[in-house]
Amino acid sequence: MSKIIEQQKQLCQRFNAHFYPAEDHLKLGISRQVKEGLQPVLGLRLPPEEGTTGWFI
């Protein structure tokens, strides 16, 4: 198991959250404000469905 995946699993355990791997072929949402450099960057993780990772950034 890669070091990054292990760190992600430990973080999920810390916050009592289910670990969902973000596979490379799945989509994620990124707002235009992130592309334009707006700070701070916020992330929302929902359970993955219909070809998405569940991430919206």
Protein backbone atom coordinates (compact mmCIF):
# COMPACT_ATOMS: atom_id res chain seq x y z
CA MET A 1 0.00 0.00 0.00
CA SER A 2 1.38 3.41 -0.88
CA LYS A 3 2.39 5.83 1.84
CA ILE A 4 -0.17 8.41 0.65
CA ILE A 5 -3.07 5.94 0.78
CA GLU A 6 -2.03 4.84 4.26
CA GLN A 7 -1.97 8.50 5.40
CA GLN A 8 -5.42 9.06 3.89
CA LYS A 9 -6.79 6.00 5.72
CA GLN A 10 -5.32 7.20 9.01
CA LEU A 11 -6.90 10.63 8.55
CA CYS A 12 -10.28 9.03 7.84
CA GLN A 13 -9.95 6.93 11.01
CA ARG A 14 -9.07 10.05 13.01
CA PHE A 15 -12.34 11.71 11.96
CA ASN A 16 -14.42 8.51 11.95
CA ALA A 17 -14.99 8.79 8.19
CA HIS A 18 -15.25 6.02 5.61
CA PHE A 19 -12.24 5.77 3.26
CA TYR A 20 -13.18 5.99 -0.43
CA PRO A 21 -10.23 5.71 -2.82
CA ALA A 22 -10.24 8.39 -5.53
CA GLU A 23 -9.49 6.27 -8.57
CA ASP A 24 -7.81 7.96 -11.54
CA HIS A 25 -10.62 7.29 -14.02
CA LEU A 26 -13.31 8.99 -11.88
CA LYS A 27 -14.37 12.66 -12.11
CA LEU A 28 -14.13 15.38 -9.48
CA GLY A 29 -15.61 18.87 -9.37
CA ILE A 30 -13.45 21.99 -9.26
CA SER A 31 -15.05 25.43 -9.05
CA ARG A 32 -14.02 28.31 -11.29
CA GLN A 33 -12.93 30.28 -8.21
CA VAL A 34 -10.22 27.68 -7.49
CA LYS A 35 -8.93 28.01 -11.05
CA GLU A 36 -8.89 31.80 -10.59
CA GLY A 37 -6.85 31.51 -7.37
CA LEU A 38 -9.51 32.38 -4.78
CA GLN A 39 -8.36 31.52 -1.25
CA PRO A 40 -9.03 29.64 0.96
CA VAL A 41 -9.73 26.48 -1.00
CA LEU A 42 -12.52 24.39 0.51
CA GLY A 43 -13.23 20.72 -0.20
CA LEU A 44 -16.41 18.71 0.21
CA ARG A 45 -16.45 14.92 0.05
CA LEU A 46 -19.65 13.01 -0.60
CA PRO A 47 -19.97 9.27 -1.20
CA PRO A 48 -18.86 8.50 -4.77
CA GLU A 49 -21.60 7.80 -7.30
CA GLU A 50 -22.15 7.63 -11.06
CA GLY A 51 -18.49 7.86 -12.12
CA THR A 52 -17.40 10.55 -9.66
CA THR A 53 -14.91 10.56 -6.78
CA GLY A 54 -17.38 12.44 -4.59
CA TRP A 55 -14.96 15.39 -4.29
CA PHE A 56 -16.00 18.97 -4.99
CA ILE A 57 -13.22 21.54 -4.53
